[in-house]
Protein backbone atom coordinates (compact mmCIF):
# COMPACT_ATOMS: atom_id res chain seq x y z
CA MET A 1 -16.40 5.18 13.08
CA TYR A 2 -15.53 2.77 15.91
CA ARG A 3 -19.21 2.18 16.65
CA ASP A 4 -19.93 1.77 12.94
CA SER A 5 -17.37 -1.01 12.66
CA SER A 6 -19.51 -3.33 14.76
CA HIS A 7 -22.56 -2.95 12.51
CA GLU A 8 -23.41 -5.67 10.04
CA GLY A 9 -22.21 -4.74 6.57
CA PHE A 10 -19.43 -2.39 7.71
CA ALA A 11 -16.69 -4.45 6.06
CA SER A 12 -18.69 -4.74 2.83
CA MET A 13 -19.32 -0.99 2.78
CA ILE A 14 -15.62 -0.20 3.23
CA MET A 15 -14.57 -2.87 0.72
CA ASN A 16 -17.00 -1.60 -1.91
CA ASP A 17 -15.97 2.02 -1.37
CA ILE A 18 -12.29 1.21 -1.81
CA ILE A 19 -12.87 -0.96 -4.89
CA GLU A 20 -15.16 1.66 -6.47
CA ARG A 21 -12.21 4.05 -6.22
CA LYS A 22 -10.26 1.61 -8.43
CA TYR A 23 -7.98 0.19 -5.74
CA SER A 24 -7.19 -3.51 -5.79
CA LEU A 25 -8.86 -6.25 -3.79
CA ALA A 26 -5.52 -6.82 -2.07
CA PHE A 27 -5.36 -3.18 -0.93
CA ALA A 28 -8.98 -3.20 0.22
CA SER A 29 -8.39 -6.37 2.23
CA PHE A 30 -5.26 -4.87 3.76
CA VAL A 31 -7.18 -1.76 4.87
CA LEU A 32 -9.94 -3.91 6.37
CA SER A 33 -7.38 -5.95 8.29
CA LEU A 34 -6.06 -2.72 9.83
CA LEU A 35 -9.59 -1.71 10.85
CA ALA A 36 -10.33 -4.91 12.77
CA VAL A 37 -11.82 -4.01 16.15
CA ASN A 38 -10.32 -7.04 17.89
CA PRO A 39 -6.59 -6.33 18.29
CA LEU A 40 -5.85 -10.06 18.14
CA LYS A 41 -7.21 -10.11 14.57
CA ARG A 42 -5.41 -6.91 13.55
CA PRO A 43 -1.80 -7.03 12.31
CA THR A 44 0.76 -5.16 14.36
CA ALA A 45 2.64 -2.35 12.65
CA THR A 46 5.70 -4.58 12.42
CA VAL A 47 3.73 -7.38 10.75
CA ALA A 48 1.90 -4.97 8.42
CA MET A 49 5.21 -3.55 7.21
CA GLN A 50 6.31 -7.05 6.20
CA TYR A 51 3.64 -6.96 3.48
CA PHE A 52 5.64 -4.40 1.50
CA LEU A 53 8.79 -4.34 -0.65
CA VAL A 54 10.85 -1.60 -2.24
CA GLN A 55 11.16 -2.20 -5.99
CA GLU A 56 12.72 0.28 -8.36
CA ASN A 57 12.48 3.05 -5.72
CA GLU A 58 8.76 2.39 -5.15
CA ILE A 59 7.02 0.81 -2.19
CA VAL A 60 4.78 -2.00 -3.39
CA PHE A 61 2.82 -4.83 -1.81
CA ASP A 62 4.74 -8.08 -1.48
CA MET A 63 2.22 -10.30 -3.22
CA MET A 64 4.22 -13.33 -2.07
CA SER A 65 3.57 -12.55 1.60
CA SER A 66 1.20 -14.86 3.42
CA PHE A 67 -1.42 -12.11 3.77
CA PHE A 68 -1.73 -11.43 0.07
CA SER A 69 -1.42 -15.01 -1.07
CA ASN A 70 -4.46 -15.79 1.10
CA VAL A 71 -6.40 -12.80 -0.26
CA LEU A 72 -5.65 -13.71 -3.85
CA ASP A 73 -7.01 -17.23 -3.27
CA LEU A 74 -10.52 -15.82 -2.67
């Protein structure tokens, strides 16, 4: 998969696959950010965990975080 990630259209293929499975654009974008080959463009585990909240005993995306507010502006 690492070699595949450098091919043109990899991100689109992953994005489409995730969205076809009825996941949100925010989730698909989050997954793609974790798959970034360049570690400088990939969030650290600590940063990635800041994108979540616990609400009513469930872990949910914090849609007010900078990552998701940027995604939702697309």
